[in-house]
């Protein structure tokens, strides 16, 4: 998790526009501590979750192998730009 101001600047620089962020605690609560795995692949697992307002979410939880922060942020930016009825929509992220 990026905590420094410098890390926040890196996030904004790569994404070019601000995106709302989840806190890690928000995601823990929504996923009941990352309980229900929907699948895995690429760089980690996808976990089922429900927000307090009943919005269903899928949380991609990255493992620590192979993907650095820049690659993660590029992936976030790509997902943010995609709009297709067969794909989920990025609403927030946590780094």
N, C-alpha and C. Protein backbone atom coordinates (compact mmCIF):
# COMPACT_ATOMS: atom_id res chain seq x y z
N UNK A 1 0.85 -1.16 0.00
CA UNK A 1 0.00 0.00 0.00
C UNK A 1 0.90 1.23 0.00
N UNK A 2 0.65 2.14 -0.91
CA UNK A 2 1.44 3.35 -1.00
C UNK A 2 0.95 4.35 0.03
N UNK A 3 1.85 4.80 0.90
CA UNK A 3 1.45 5.71 1.96
C UNK A 3 2.08 7.09 1.83
N UNK A 4 3.18 7.18 1.09
CA UNK A 4 3.88 8.46 1.04
C UNK A 4 3.24 9.41 0.03
N UNK A 5 3.48 10.70 0.22
CA UNK A 5 3.01 11.71 -0.73
C UNK A 5 3.66 11.46 -2.09
N UNK A 6 4.92 11.05 -2.08
CA UNK A 6 5.62 10.76 -3.32
C UNK A 6 4.91 9.64 -4.09
N UNK A 7 4.48 8.60 -3.40
CA UNK A 7 3.74 7.51 -4.03
C UNK A 7 2.42 7.98 -4.61
N UNK A 8 1.73 8.87 -3.91
CA UNK A 8 0.47 9.44 -4.40
C UNK A 8 0.72 10.23 -5.68
N UNK A 9 1.82 10.98 -5.73
CA UNK A 9 2.16 11.72 -6.93
C UNK A 9 2.41 10.77 -8.10
N UNK A 10 3.09 9.64 -7.85
CA UNK A 10 3.34 8.65 -8.88
C UNK A 10 2.02 8.10 -9.42
N UNK A 11 1.08 7.82 -8.54
CA UNK A 11 -0.22 7.29 -8.95
C UNK A 11 -0.92 8.30 -9.85
N UNK A 12 -0.98 9.55 -9.44
CA UNK A 12 -1.64 10.58 -10.23
C UNK A 12 -0.94 10.80 -11.57
N UNK A 13 0.38 10.70 -11.58
CA UNK A 13 1.14 10.90 -12.81
C UNK A 13 0.84 9.80 -13.83
N UNK A 14 0.80 8.56 -13.40
CA UNK A 14 0.55 7.45 -14.31
C UNK A 14 -0.89 7.46 -14.78
N UNK A 15 -1.84 7.69 -13.88
CA UNK A 15 -3.25 7.65 -14.23
C UNK A 15 -3.72 8.91 -14.94
N UNK A 16 -3.01 9.99 -14.81
CA UNK A 16 -3.30 11.26 -15.46
C UNK A 16 -4.54 11.96 -14.93
N UNK A 17 -5.48 11.25 -14.35
CA UNK A 17 -6.65 11.88 -13.72
C UNK A 17 -6.88 11.19 -12.38
N UNK A 18 -7.42 11.89 -11.42
CA UNK A 18 -7.68 11.26 -10.12
C UNK A 18 -8.82 10.25 -10.23
N UNK A 19 -8.67 9.13 -9.56
CA UNK A 19 -9.71 8.11 -9.47
C UNK A 19 -9.96 7.90 -7.98
N UNK A 20 -11.23 7.76 -7.62
CA UNK A 20 -11.56 7.50 -6.22
C UNK A 20 -10.87 6.22 -5.76
N UNK A 21 -10.42 6.22 -4.53
CA UNK A 21 -9.70 5.07 -3.99
C UNK A 21 -10.49 4.45 -2.84
N UNK A 22 -10.40 3.14 -2.71
CA UNK A 22 -10.91 2.41 -1.55
C UNK A 22 -9.81 2.38 -0.51
N UNK A 23 -10.18 2.31 0.75
CA UNK A 23 -9.18 1.99 1.77
C UNK A 23 -9.12 0.46 1.85
N UNK A 24 -8.01 -0.05 2.33
CA UNK A 24 -7.87 -1.50 2.48
C UNK A 24 -8.94 -2.04 3.43
N UNK A 25 -9.24 -1.29 4.48
CA UNK A 25 -10.27 -1.71 5.45
C UNK A 25 -11.64 -1.79 4.78
N UNK A 26 -11.96 -0.82 3.90
CA UNK A 26 -13.23 -0.88 3.15
C UNK A 26 -13.33 -2.20 2.38
N UNK A 27 -12.24 -2.59 1.75
CA UNK A 27 -12.25 -3.83 0.96
C UNK A 27 -12.32 -5.07 1.85
N UNK A 28 -11.67 -5.03 3.00
CA UNK A 28 -11.76 -6.15 3.94
C UNK A 28 -13.21 -6.36 4.38
N UNK A 29 -13.89 -5.28 4.70
CA UNK A 29 -15.29 -5.37 5.14
C UNK A 29 -16.17 -5.85 4.00
N UNK A 30 -16.01 -5.27 2.81
CA UNK A 30 -16.86 -5.61 1.67
C UNK A 30 -16.71 -7.06 1.23
N UNK A 31 -15.52 -7.62 1.42
CA UNK A 31 -15.26 -9.00 0.97
C UNK A 31 -15.28 -10.01 2.12
N UNK A 32 -15.67 -9.54 3.30
CA UNK A 32 -15.63 -10.39 4.51
C UNK A 32 -14.25 -11.01 4.66
N UNK A 33 -13.25 -10.14 4.67
CA UNK A 33 -11.83 -10.51 4.80
C UNK A 33 -11.36 -11.40 3.65
N UNK A 34 -11.79 -11.05 2.43
CA UNK A 34 -11.34 -11.70 1.20
C UNK A 34 -11.71 -13.19 1.19
N UNK A 35 -12.95 -13.47 1.59
CA UNK A 35 -13.41 -14.84 1.81
C UNK A 35 -13.72 -15.62 0.53
N UNK A 36 -14.49 -15.05 -0.40
CA UNK A 36 -15.01 -15.81 -1.53
C UNK A 36 -14.25 -15.50 -2.83
N UNK A 37 -13.35 -16.40 -3.19
CA UNK A 37 -12.58 -16.23 -4.42
C UNK A 37 -13.42 -16.63 -5.62
N UNK A 38 -13.51 -15.74 -6.61
CA UNK A 38 -14.25 -16.03 -7.83
C UNK A 38 -13.37 -16.71 -8.87
N UNK A 39 -12.09 -16.43 -8.82
CA UNK A 39 -11.16 -17.01 -9.79
C UNK A 39 -9.78 -16.44 -9.56
N UNK A 40 -8.82 -16.92 -10.35
CA UNK A 40 -7.46 -16.40 -10.23
C UNK A 40 -6.76 -16.51 -11.57
N UNK A 41 -5.68 -15.79 -11.69
CA UNK A 41 -4.90 -15.79 -12.91
C UNK A 41 -4.11 -14.51 -12.99
N UNK A 42 -3.35 -14.37 -14.05
CA UNK A 42 -2.58 -13.14 -14.23
C UNK A 42 -1.71 -12.85 -13.04
N UNK A 43 -2.08 -11.84 -12.29
CA UNK A 43 -1.25 -11.40 -11.16
C UNK A 43 -1.92 -11.59 -9.82
N UNK A 44 -3.01 -12.36 -9.74
CA UNK A 44 -3.64 -12.55 -8.45
C UNK A 44 -5.03 -13.13 -8.55
N UNK A 45 -5.80 -12.97 -7.49
CA UNK A 45 -7.14 -13.55 -7.37
C UNK A 45 -8.20 -12.47 -7.50
N UNK A 46 -9.40 -12.90 -7.89
CA UNK A 46 -10.56 -12.01 -7.92
C UNK A 46 -11.51 -12.47 -6.82
N UNK A 47 -11.87 -11.53 -5.95
CA UNK A 47 -12.66 -11.83 -4.77
C UNK A 47 -14.03 -11.16 -4.89
N UNK A 48 -15.08 -11.87 -4.50
CA UNK A 48 -16.44 -11.34 -4.50
C UNK A 48 -16.64 -10.44 -3.29
N UNK A 49 -17.40 -9.36 -3.47
CA UNK A 49 -17.68 -8.47 -2.35
C UNK A 49 -18.97 -7.70 -2.55
N UNK A 50 -19.47 -7.12 -1.46
CA UNK A 50 -20.67 -6.28 -1.48
C UNK A 50 -20.40 -5.06 -0.62
N UNK A 51 -20.60 -3.88 -1.21
CA UNK A 51 -20.40 -2.63 -0.48
C UNK A 51 -21.59 -2.37 0.46
N UNK A 52 -21.43 -1.44 1.36
CA UNK A 52 -22.48 -1.10 2.34
C UNK A 52 -23.77 -0.67 1.66
N UNK A 53 -23.67 -0.07 0.45
CA UNK A 53 -24.87 0.36 -0.27
C UNK A 53 -25.45 -0.75 -1.16
N UNK A 54 -25.00 -2.00 -0.96
CA UNK A 54 -25.44 -3.20 -1.68
C UNK A 54 -24.88 -3.33 -3.09
N UNK A 55 -23.95 -2.47 -3.49
CA UNK A 55 -23.29 -2.60 -4.79
C UNK A 55 -22.39 -3.83 -4.76
N UNK A 56 -22.60 -4.74 -5.71
CA UNK A 56 -21.73 -5.91 -5.82
C UNK A 56 -20.43 -5.50 -6.49
N UNK A 57 -19.32 -6.00 -5.96
CA UNK A 57 -18.01 -5.67 -6.51
C UNK A 57 -17.18 -6.93 -6.69
N UNK A 58 -16.24 -6.86 -7.61
CA UNK A 58 -15.22 -7.88 -7.79
C UNK A 58 -13.90 -7.20 -7.49
N UNK A 59 -13.12 -7.75 -6.58
CA UNK A 59 -11.87 -7.15 -6.14
C UNK A 59 -10.72 -7.99 -6.66
N UNK A 60 -9.86 -7.37 -7.47
CA UNK A 60 -8.67 -8.06 -7.92
C UNK A 60 -7.59 -7.83 -6.88
N UNK A 61 -7.20 -8.90 -6.21
CA UNK A 61 -6.17 -8.81 -5.17
C UNK A 61 -4.87 -9.33 -5.75
N UNK A 62 -3.92 -8.44 -5.94
CA UNK A 62 -2.66 -8.81 -6.56
C UNK A 62 -1.76 -9.55 -5.60
N UNK A 63 -1.03 -10.52 -6.13
CA UNK A 63 0.01 -11.12 -5.31
C UNK A 63 1.28 -10.30 -5.52
N UNK A 64 2.32 -10.61 -4.82
CA UNK A 64 3.53 -9.79 -4.88
C UNK A 64 4.53 -10.27 -5.92
N UNK A 65 4.12 -11.21 -6.76
CA UNK A 65 5.07 -11.74 -7.75
C UNK A 65 4.93 -11.01 -9.08
N UNK A 66 6.01 -10.47 -9.57
CA UNK A 66 6.10 -10.07 -10.95
C UNK A 66 5.51 -8.73 -11.38
N UNK A 67 4.62 -8.13 -10.65
CA UNK A 67 4.01 -6.90 -11.12
C UNK A 67 4.35 -5.75 -10.18
N UNK A 68 5.04 -4.77 -10.69
CA UNK A 68 5.40 -3.61 -9.89
C UNK A 68 4.27 -2.59 -9.89
N UNK A 69 4.45 -1.53 -9.14
CA UNK A 69 3.43 -0.50 -9.00
C UNK A 69 3.10 0.14 -10.34
N UNK A 70 4.11 0.42 -11.16
CA UNK A 70 3.84 1.06 -12.45
C UNK A 70 2.97 0.17 -13.33
N UNK A 71 3.28 -1.13 -13.40
CA UNK A 71 2.47 -2.06 -14.20
C UNK A 71 1.05 -2.13 -13.66
N UNK A 72 0.90 -2.13 -12.35
CA UNK A 72 -0.43 -2.14 -11.72
C UNK A 72 -1.21 -0.89 -12.12
N UNK A 73 -0.57 0.27 -12.05
CA UNK A 73 -1.26 1.52 -12.38
C UNK A 73 -1.62 1.60 -13.86
N UNK A 74 -0.77 1.07 -14.73
CA UNK A 74 -1.10 1.02 -16.15
C UNK A 74 -2.33 0.13 -16.37
N UNK A 75 -2.39 -0.99 -15.66
CA UNK A 75 -3.56 -1.87 -15.76
C UNK A 75 -4.83 -1.15 -15.27
N UNK A 76 -4.73 -0.43 -14.17
CA UNK A 76 -5.86 0.34 -13.65
C UNK A 76 -6.33 1.35 -14.69
N UNK A 77 -5.38 2.05 -15.30
CA UNK A 77 -5.73 3.05 -16.31
C UNK A 77 -6.40 2.41 -17.52
N UNK A 78 -5.93 1.25 -17.93
CA UNK A 78 -6.54 0.54 -19.06
C UNK A 78 -7.97 0.12 -18.73
N UNK A 79 -8.17 -0.46 -17.57
CA UNK A 79 -9.51 -0.89 -17.17
C UNK A 79 -10.44 0.31 -17.05
N UNK A 80 -9.92 1.42 -16.54
CA UNK A 80 -10.72 2.63 -16.39
C UNK A 80 -11.24 3.12 -17.74
N UNK A 81 -10.46 2.96 -18.78
CA UNK A 81 -10.82 3.46 -20.10
C UNK A 81 -11.77 2.53 -20.86
N UNK A 82 -11.83 1.26 -20.47
CA UNK A 82 -12.66 0.29 -21.19
C UNK A 82 -14.12 0.39 -20.78
N UNK A 83 -15.00 0.35 -21.75
CA UNK A 83 -16.43 0.34 -21.50
C UNK A 83 -17.05 -0.69 -22.43
N UNK A 84 -17.42 -1.84 -21.90
CA UNK A 84 -18.02 -2.91 -22.69
C UNK A 84 -19.00 -3.64 -21.81
N UNK A 85 -20.13 -4.06 -22.38
CA UNK A 85 -21.17 -4.69 -21.56
C UNK A 85 -20.74 -6.02 -20.97
N UNK A 86 -19.71 -6.67 -21.48
CA UNK A 86 -19.24 -7.94 -20.93
C UNK A 86 -18.13 -7.76 -19.90
N UNK A 87 -17.73 -6.52 -19.63
CA UNK A 87 -16.64 -6.28 -18.69
C UNK A 87 -17.14 -5.48 -17.51
N UNK A 88 -16.50 -5.70 -16.37
CA UNK A 88 -16.85 -4.91 -15.19
C UNK A 88 -16.33 -3.50 -15.38
N UNK A 89 -16.91 -2.56 -14.66
CA UNK A 89 -16.51 -1.17 -14.71
C UNK A 89 -15.69 -0.86 -13.47
N UNK A 90 -14.59 -0.16 -13.65
CA UNK A 90 -13.75 0.24 -12.52
C UNK A 90 -14.44 1.39 -11.79
N UNK A 91 -14.70 1.20 -10.50
CA UNK A 91 -15.31 2.28 -9.73
C UNK A 91 -14.31 2.93 -8.78
N UNK A 92 -13.38 2.16 -8.27
CA UNK A 92 -12.33 2.64 -7.37
C UNK A 92 -11.20 1.63 -7.35
N UNK A 93 -10.11 2.01 -6.70
CA UNK A 93 -9.03 1.06 -6.49
C UNK A 93 -8.33 1.34 -5.18
N UNK A 94 -7.47 0.42 -4.77
CA UNK A 94 -6.70 0.57 -3.54
C UNK A 94 -5.26 0.20 -3.88
N UNK A 95 -4.33 1.08 -3.53
CA UNK A 95 -2.91 0.78 -3.78
C UNK A 95 -2.12 1.05 -2.52
